[in-house]
Amino acid sequence: MLANMAVSLIEHKRITTTSTKAKALKFLSNL
């Protein structure tokens, strides 16, 4: 799920998600 969100964010520069998922994605994107 997070991988799909990361790909969508990279492709579209914007995604709609919950704050919990966004925090997890933000953590992963900083690795």
N, C-alpha and C. Protein backbone atom coordinates (compact mmCIF):
# COMPACT_ATOMS: atom_id res chain seq x y z
N MET A 1 0.83 -1.19 0.00
CA MET A 1 0.00 0.00 0.00
C MET A 1 0.88 1.26 0.00
N LEU A 2 1.86 1.31 0.89
CA LEU A 2 2.72 2.49 0.94
C LEU A 2 3.55 2.64 -0.33
N ALA A 3 3.93 1.52 -0.91
CA ALA A 3 4.69 1.58 -2.16
C ALA A 3 3.85 2.21 -3.26
N ASN A 4 2.59 1.82 -3.35
CA ASN A 4 1.69 2.40 -4.35
C ASN A 4 1.51 3.89 -4.13
N MET A 5 1.38 4.30 -2.86
CA MET A 5 1.22 5.72 -2.56
C MET A 5 2.48 6.48 -2.94
N ALA A 6 3.64 5.89 -2.70
CA ALA A 6 4.90 6.56 -3.04
C ALA A 6 5.01 6.75 -4.55
N VAL A 7 4.65 5.72 -5.31
CA VAL A 7 4.69 5.81 -6.77
C VAL A 7 3.72 6.88 -7.26
N SER A 8 2.52 6.91 -6.70
CA SER A 8 1.52 7.91 -7.09
C SER A 8 2.02 9.31 -6.79
N LEU A 9 2.65 9.47 -5.64
CA LEU A 9 3.17 10.79 -5.26
C LEU A 9 4.25 11.24 -6.23
N ILE A 10 5.14 10.33 -6.60
CA ILE A 10 6.21 10.66 -7.54
C ILE A 10 5.64 11.00 -8.92
N GLU A 11 4.65 10.22 -9.36
CA GLU A 11 4.08 10.43 -10.70
C GLU A 11 3.23 11.69 -10.78
N HIS A 12 2.42 11.94 -9.75
CA HIS A 12 1.42 13.01 -9.83
C HIS A 12 1.74 14.24 -8.98
N LYS A 13 2.80 14.15 -8.15
CA LYS A 13 3.21 15.24 -7.28
C LYS A 13 2.18 15.56 -6.20
N ARG A 14 1.08 14.82 -6.16
CA ARG A 14 0.04 15.08 -5.16
C ARG A 14 -0.80 13.84 -4.99
N ILE A 15 -1.15 13.52 -3.74
CA ILE A 15 -2.06 12.41 -3.47
C ILE A 15 -3.00 12.83 -2.35
N THR A 16 -4.12 12.15 -2.25
CA THR A 16 -5.07 12.36 -1.17
C THR A 16 -5.05 11.12 -0.29
N THR A 17 -4.76 11.32 1.00
CA THR A 17 -4.66 10.19 1.92
C THR A 17 -4.94 10.67 3.34
N THR A 18 -4.97 9.74 4.27
CA THR A 18 -5.18 10.11 5.67
C THR A 18 -3.87 10.61 6.27
N SER A 19 -3.97 11.32 7.37
CA SER A 19 -2.76 11.87 7.98
C SER A 19 -1.85 10.77 8.50
N THR A 20 -2.42 9.67 8.98
CA THR A 20 -1.60 8.56 9.48
C THR A 20 -0.77 7.95 8.36
N LYS A 21 -1.41 7.70 7.23
CA LYS A 21 -0.70 7.14 6.08
C LYS A 21 0.32 8.14 5.54
N ALA A 22 -0.02 9.41 5.57
CA ALA A 22 0.90 10.43 5.08
C ALA A 22 2.16 10.50 5.94
N LYS A 23 1.99 10.36 7.25
CA LYS A 23 3.16 10.37 8.14
C LYS A 23 4.06 9.18 7.87
N ALA A 24 3.47 8.01 7.64
CA ALA A 24 4.26 6.81 7.34
C ALA A 24 4.99 6.99 6.01
N LEU A 25 4.31 7.55 5.03
CA LEU A 25 4.92 7.76 3.72
C LEU A 25 6.04 8.79 3.81
N LYS A 26 5.83 9.83 4.61
CA LYS A 26 6.87 10.85 4.79
C LYS A 26 8.12 10.23 5.40
N PHE A 27 7.93 9.35 6.38
CA PHE A 27 9.07 8.66 6.99
C PHE A 27 9.83 7.84 5.96
N LEU A 28 9.10 7.08 5.15
CA LEU A 28 9.74 6.23 4.14
C LEU A 28 10.44 7.04 3.06
N SER A 29 9.86 8.17 2.71
CA SER A 29 10.45 8.97 1.63
C SER A 29 11.75 9.64 2.07
N ASN A 30 11.97 9.76 3.37
CA ASN A 30 13.19 10.38 3.88
C ASN A 30 14.33 9.39 4.05
N LEU A 31 14.09 8.11 3.81
CA LEU A 31 15.14 7.10 3.99
C LEU A 31 16.18 7.19 2.91
